[in-house]
């Protein structure tokens, strides 16, 4: 009868604890083996570590690729006439808008007409910046001077594994 109890005790030890208890091991006349030395695991290919700035740099890279936005901003425009700058901005505006809309959806924080009265939205206090003669506490509303922008969708392509995100646009060398 004691062997049946020992069998049940062994079964339930393993079922509930994953191993035999010390008392059961002693009663069975067994001893624990020394643990086999653990070999260090060979490091698998480490997943690339993404930084919080990677998405912002990726957007800048896309805007540079599709509309040459950084080239435009970094150019000294003081030597150009207003007409020349205006003509360049028109194309830049359209290309930048298309590139941004392809990867990011935007919506106004307050969808109302600028210059009209707008109520203060409830919820996120960072969604509205009060300007002018601001009273203590949260005002119920005021004149809407800017609708603000909120991101509703971000769908950036995956970054290549070995791409340096600090390179927004590679240098171009023409071979003749």
C-alpha atoms as a PDB file:
ATOM      1  CA  UNK A   1       0.000   0.000   0.000  1.00  0.00           C
ATOM      2  CA  UNK A   2       2.863   2.424   0.722  1.00  0.00           C
ATOM      3  CA  UNK A   3       4.167   2.009  -2.850  1.00  0.00           C
ATOM      4  CA  UNK A   4       0.796   3.081  -4.252  1.00  0.00           C
ATOM      5  CA  UNK A   5       0.791   6.177  -2.021  1.00  0.00           C
ATOM      6  CA  UNK A   6       4.373   6.917  -3.055  1.00  0.00           C
ATOM      7  CA  UNK A   7       3.357   6.587  -6.728  1.00  0.00           C
ATOM      8  CA  UNK A   8       0.430   8.970  -6.249  1.00  0.00           C
ATOM      9  CA  UNK A   9       2.627  11.446  -4.329  1.00  0.00           C
ATOM     10  CA  UNK A  10       5.251  11.295  -7.129  1.00  0.00           C
ATOM     11  CA  UNK A  11       2.588  11.772  -9.802  1.00  0.00           C
ATOM     12  CA  UNK A  12       1.036  14.820  -8.118  1.00  0.00           C
ATOM     13  CA  UNK A  13       4.453  16.326  -7.261  1.00  0.00           C
ATOM     14  CA  UNK A  14       5.378  16.239 -10.913  1.00  0.00           C
ATOM     15  CA  UNK A  15       1.919  17.328 -12.083  1.00  0.00           C
ATOM     16  CA  UNK A  16       1.638  20.368  -9.807  1.00  0.00           C
ATOM     17  CA  UNK A  17       5.277  21.300  -9.121  1.00  0.00           C
ATOM     18  CA  UNK A  18       7.128  19.985 -12.161  1.00  0.00           C
ATOM     19  CA  UNK A  19       9.560  18.016  -9.985  1.00  0.00           C
ATOM     20  CA  UNK A  20       9.679  15.545  -7.146  1.00  0.00           C
ATOM     21  CA  UNK A  21       9.847  16.946  -3.647  1.00  0.00           C
ATOM     22  CA  UNK A  22      12.948  16.277  -1.540  1.00  0.00           C
ATOM     23  CA  UNK A  23      10.935  13.987   0.770  1.00  0.00           C
ATOM     24  CA  UNK A  24       9.715  11.875  -2.165  1.00  0.00           C
ATOM     25  CA  UNK A  25      13.231  11.642  -3.623  1.00  0.00           C
ATOM     26  CA  UNK A  26      14.590  10.442  -0.260  1.00  0.00           C
ATOM     27  CA  UNK A  27      11.753   7.935   0.194  1.00  0.00           C
ATOM     28  CA  UNK A  28      12.414   6.527  -3.300  1.00  0.00           C
ATOM     29  CA  UNK A  29      16.128   6.217  -2.467  1.00  0.00           C
ATOM     30  CA  UNK A  30      17.141   8.591  -5.253  1.00  0.00           C
ATOM     31  CA  UNK A  31      19.509  11.550  -5.336  1.00  0.00           C
ATOM     32  CA  UNK A  32      19.501  14.661  -7.458  1.00  0.00           C
ATOM     33  CA  UNK A  33      21.989  14.837 -10.290  1.00  0.00           C
ATOM     34  CA  UNK A  34      24.232  17.823 -10.646  1.00  0.00           C
ATOM     35  CA  UNK A  35      22.906  20.126 -13.308  1.00  0.00           C
ATOM     36  CA  UNK A  36      24.637  19.784 -16.641  1.00  0.00           C
ATOM     37  CA  UNK A  37      26.792  22.761 -17.502  1.00  0.00           C
ATOM     38  CA  UNK A  38      24.844  25.194 -19.605  1.00  0.00           C
ATOM     39  CA  UNK A  39      26.490  26.179 -22.853  1.00  0.00           C
ATOM     40  CA  UNK A  40      26.207  29.841 -23.670  1.00  0.00           C
ATOM     41  CA  UNK A  41      23.650  30.288 -26.389  1.00  0.00           C
ATOM     42  CA  UNK A  42      24.981  31.491 -29.685  1.00  0.00           C
ATOM     43  CA  UNK A  43      23.656  34.970 -30.199  1.00  0.00           C
ATOM     44  CA  UNK A  44      20.959  35.079 -32.821  1.00  0.00           C
ATOM     45  CA  UNK A  45      20.859  37.949 -35.210  1.00  0.00           C
ATOM     46  CA  UNK A  46      19.879  40.803 -32.952  1.00  0.00           C
ATOM     47  CA  UNK A  47      16.794  42.698 -33.954  1.00  0.00           C
ATOM     48  CA  UNK A  48      17.634  46.252 -34.898  1.00  0.00           C
ATOM     49  CA  UNK A  49      17.127  48.651 -32.029  1.00  0.00           C
ATOM     50  CA  UNK A  50      14.687  51.345 -33.057  1.00  0.00           C
ATOM     51  CA  UNK A  51      15.077  54.793 -31.545  1.00  0.00           C
ATOM     52  CA  UNK A  52      12.189  57.156 -30.996  1.00  0.00           C
ATOM     53  CA  UNK A  53      13.706  59.521 -33.562  1.00  0.00           C
ATOM     54  CA  UNK A  54      13.657  56.918 -36.359  1.00  0.00           C
ATOM     55  CA  UNK A  55      10.074  57.691 -37.432  1.00  0.00           C
ATOM     56  CA  UNK A  56      10.738  61.431 -37.570  1.00  0.00           C
ATOM     57  CA  UNK A  57      13.894  60.900 -39.587  1.00  0.00           C
ATOM     58  CA  UNK A  58      12.027  58.531 -41.884  1.00  0.00           C
ATOM     59  CA  UNK A  59       9.370  61.187 -42.582  1.00  0.00           C
ATOM     60  CA  UNK A  60      12.104  63.750 -43.326  1.00  0.00           C
ATOM     61  CA  UNK A  61      13.754  61.251 -45.649  1.00  0.00           C
ATOM     62  CA  UNK A  62      10.461  60.651 -47.483  1.00  0.00           C
ATOM     63  CA  UNK A  63       9.834  64.396 -47.855  1.00  0.00           C
ATOM     64  CA  UNK A  64      13.361  64.843 -49.200  1.00  0.00           C
ATOM     65  CA  UNK A  65      12.994  61.914 -51.607  1.00  0.00           C
ATOM     66  CA  UNK A  66       9.582  62.921 -52.954  1.00  0.00           C
ATOM     67  CA  UNK A  67       9.737  66.733 -52.892  1.00  0.00           C
ATOM     68  CA  UNK A  68      13.341  67.769 -52.133  1.00  0.00           C
ATOM     69  CA  UNK A  69      12.054  69.623 -49.053  1.00  0.00           C
ATOM     70  CA  UNK A  70      15.398  69.647 -47.226  1.00  0.00           C
ATOM     71  CA  UNK A  71      17.196  70.924 -50.337  1.00  0.00           C
ATOM     72  CA  UNK A  72      14.673  73.770 -50.516  1.00  0.00           C
ATOM     73  CA  UNK A  73      14.960  74.659 -46.816  1.00  0.00           C
ATOM     74  CA  UNK A  74      18.768  74.517 -46.812  1.00  0.00           C
ATOM     75  CA  UNK A  75      19.056  76.668 -49.966  1.00  0.00           C
ATOM     76  CA  UNK A  76      19.877  80.349 -49.430  1.00  0.00           C
ATOM     77  CA  UNK A  77      16.878  82.011 -51.094  1.00  0.00           C
ATOM     78  CA  UNK A  78      18.064  85.589 -50.616  1.00  0.00           C
ATOM     79  CA  UNK A  79      19.454  85.716 -54.191  1.00  0.00           C
ATOM     80  CA  UNK A  80      16.123  84.752 -55.790  1.00  0.00           C
ATOM     81  CA  UNK A  81      13.156  86.987 -56.570  1.00  0.00           C
ATOM     82  CA  UNK A  82       9.817  86.498 -54.839  1.00  0.00           C
ATOM     83  CA  UNK A  83       8.396  85.161 -58.104  1.00  0.00           C
ATOM     84  CA  UNK A  84      11.131  82.524 -58.370  1.00  0.00           C
ATOM     85  CA  UNK A  85      10.645  81.420 -54.737  1.00  0.00           C
ATOM     86  CA  UNK A  86       6.853  81.377 -55.202  1.00  0.00           C
ATOM     87  CA  UNK A  87       7.143  79.198 -58.307  1.00  0.00           C
ATOM     88  CA  UNK A  88       9.424  76.765 -56.472  1.00  0.00           C
ATOM     89  CA  UNK A  89       7.106  76.638 -53.462  1.00  0.00           C
ATOM     90  CA  UNK A  90       4.053  75.726 -55.545  1.00  0.00           C
ATOM     91  CA  UNK A  91       5.614  72.478 -56.802  1.00  0.00           C
ATOM     92  CA  UNK A  92       7.210  71.765 -53.431  1.00  0.00           C
ATOM     93  CA  UNK A  93       3.871  72.230 -51.672  1.00  0.00           C
ATOM     94  CA  UNK A  94       2.025  69.779 -53.916  1.00  0.00           C
ATOM     95  CA  UNK A  95       4.758  67.125 -53.772  1.00  0.00           C
ATOM     96  CA  UNK A  96       5.163  67.421 -49.981  1.00  0.00           C
ATOM     97  CA  UNK A  97       1.428  67.225 -49.403  1.00  0.00           C
ATOM     98  CA  UNK A  98       1.134  64.071 -51.556  1.00  0.00           C
ATOM     99  CA  UNK A  99       4.101  62.408 -49.830  1.00  0.00           C
ATOM    100  CA  UNK A 100       2.779  63.188 -46.354  1.00  0.00           C
ATOM    101  CA  UNK A 101      -0.772  62.048 -47.192  1.00  0.00           C
ATOM    102  CA  UNK A 102       0.602  58.723 -48.481  1.00  0.00           C
ATOM    103  CA  UNK A 103       1.989  57.774 -45.040  1.00  0.00           C
ATOM    104  CA  UNK A 104       0.171  59.937 -42.453  1.00  0.00           C
ATOM    105  CA  UNK A 105      -3.483  60.945 -42.064  1.00  0.00           C
ATOM    106  CA  UNK A 106      -4.157  64.252 -40.343  1.00  0.00           C
ATOM    107  CA  UNK A 107      -7.335  65.787 -38.939  1.00  0.00           C
ATOM    108  CA  UNK A 108      -7.987  69.131 -37.256  1.00  0.00           C
ATOM    109  CA  UNK A 109      -8.048  69.151 -33.453  1.00  0.00           C
ATOM    110  CA  UNK A 110     -11.071  71.481 -33.596  1.00  0.00           C
ATOM    111  CA  UNK A 111     -12.998  71.171 -36.847  1.00  0.00           C
ATOM    112  CA  UNK A 112     -14.476  74.656 -36.996  1.00  0.00           C
ATOM    113  CA  UNK A 113     -14.005  77.886 -38.935  1.00  0.00           C
ATOM    114  CA  UNK A 114     -10.991  79.931 -37.837  1.00  0.00           C
ATOM    115  CA  UNK A 115     -11.998  83.350 -36.480  1.00  0.00           C
ATOM    116  CA  UNK A 116     -15.271  82.064 -34.984  1.00  0.00           C
ATOM    117  CA  UNK A 117     -16.112  81.118 -31.399  1.00  0.00           C
ATOM    118  CA  UNK A 118     -15.101  77.553 -30.451  1.00  0.00           C
ATOM    119  CA  UNK A 119     -15.731  75.682 -27.221  1.00  0.00           C
ATOM    120  CA  UNK A 120     -12.783  74.218 -25.353  1.00  0.00           C
ATOM    121  CA  UNK A 121     -12.749  70.470 -26.043  1.00  0.00           C
ATOM    122  CA  UNK A 122     -12.905  68.172 -23.037  1.00  0.00           C
ATOM    123  CA  UNK A 123     -10.194  65.600 -22.523  1.00  0.00           C
ATOM    124  CA  UNK A 124      -6.562  66.166 -23.416  1.00  0.00           C
ATOM    125  CA  UNK A 125      -5.397  69.522 -21.986  1.00  0.00           C
ATOM    126  CA  UNK A 126      -2.464  69.516 -24.432  1.00  0.00           C
ATOM    127  CA  UNK A 127      -4.841  69.591 -27.418  1.00  0.00           C
ATOM    128  CA  UNK A 128      -5.427  73.346 -27.022  1.00  0.00           C
ATOM    129  CA  UNK A 129      -3.017  76.212 -26.396  1.00  0.00           C
ATOM    130  CA  UNK A 130      -4.727  79.305 -25.020  1.00  0.00           C
ATOM    131  CA  UNK A 131      -3.346  82.650 -26.197  1.00  0.00           C
ATOM    132  CA  UNK A 132      -4.149  86.253 -25.328  1.00  0.00           C
ATOM    133  CA  UNK A 133      -5.654  87.376 -22.010  1.00  0.00           C
ATOM    134  CA  UNK A 134      -6.030  83.900 -20.461  1.00  0.00           C
ATOM    135  CA  UNK A 135      -7.895  83.721 -17.116  1.00  0.00           C
ATOM    136  CA  UNK A 136      -6.971  81.322 -14.320  1.00  0.00           C
ATOM    137  CA  UNK A 137      -8.404  77.874 -14.906  1.00  0.00           C
ATOM    138  CA  UNK A 138      -9.648  76.443 -18.180  1.00  0.00           C
ATOM    139  CA  UNK A 139     -11.763  78.911 -20.146  1.00  0.00           C
ATOM    140  CA  UNK A 140     -14.997  77.596 -21.722  1.00  0.00           C
ATOM    141  CA  UNK A 141     -13.956  78.771 -25.198  1.00  0.00           C
ATOM    142  CA  UNK A 142     -12.752  81.649 -27.311  1.00  0.00           C
ATOM    143  CA  UNK A 143     -11.913  82.719 -30.869  1.00  0.00           C
ATOM    144  CA  UNK A 144     -10.353  79.907 -32.859  1.00  0.00           C
ATOM    145  CA  UNK A 145      -7.082  81.192 -34.310  1.00  0.00           C
ATOM    146  CA  UNK A 146      -5.711  77.823 -35.513  1.00  0.00           C
ATOM    147  CA  UNK A 147      -7.501  74.478 -35.833  1.00  0.00           C
ATOM    148  CA  UNK A 148      -4.448  72.475 -34.793  1.00  0.00           C
ATOM    149  CA  UNK A 149      -3.529  69.093 -36.266  1.00  0.00           C
ATOM    150  CA  UNK A 150      -3.906  65.588 -34.917  1.00  0.00           C
ATOM    151  CA  UNK A 151      -2.444  62.436 -36.450  1.00  0.00           C
ATOM    152  CA  UNK A 152      -5.128  59.819 -37.046  1.00  0.00           C
ATOM    153  CA  UNK A 153      -3.012  57.234 -38.905  1.00  0.00           C
ATOM    154  CA  UNK A 154       0.675  56.544 -39.424  1.00  0.00           C
ATOM    155  CA  UNK A 155       1.600  53.891 -41.962  1.00  0.00           C
ATOM    156  CA  UNK A 156       5.334  54.178 -42.551  1.00  0.00           C
ATOM    157  CA  UNK A 157       7.109  51.420 -44.463  1.00  0.00           C
ATOM    158  CA  UNK A 158       9.433  49.158 -42.485  1.00  0.00           C
ATOM    159  CA  UNK A 159      12.954  50.477 -42.204  1.00  0.00           C
ATOM    160  CA  UNK A 160      15.620  48.401 -43.929  1.00  0.00           C
ATOM    161  CA  UNK A 161      17.620  46.465 -41.323  1.00  0.00           C
ATOM    162  CA  UNK A 162      21.010  48.012 -42.001  1.00  0.00           C
ATOM    163  CA  UNK A 163      19.995  51.521 -42.993  1.00  0.00           C
ATOM    164  CA  UNK A 164      21.488  54.422 -41.073  1.00  0.00           C
ATOM    165  CA  UNK A 165      18.414  56.553 -40.311  1.00  0.00           C
ATOM    166  CA  UNK A 166      20.638  59.629 -39.916  1.00  0.00           C
ATOM    167  CA  UNK A 167      21.230  59.557 -43.702  1.00  0.00           C
ATOM    168  CA  UNK A 168      18.127  61.376 -44.936  1.00  0.00           C
ATOM    169  CA  UNK A 169      19.260  61.380 -48.550  1.00  0.00           C
ATOM    170  CA  UNK A 170      22.410  59.715 -49.810  1.00  0.00           C
ATOM    171  CA  UNK A 171      24.906  61.759 -51.774  1.00  0.00           C
ATOM    172  CA  UNK A 172      24.599  61.240 -55.500  1.00  0.00           C
ATOM    173  CA  UNK A 173      27.691  60.691 -57.633  1.00  0.00           C
ATOM    174  CA  UNK A 174      27.308  60.481 -61.380  1.00  0.00           C
ATOM    175  CA  UNK A 175      29.678  58.167 -63.198  1.00  0.00           C
ATOM    176  CA  UNK A 176      30.461  59.190 -66.779  1.00  0.00           C
END
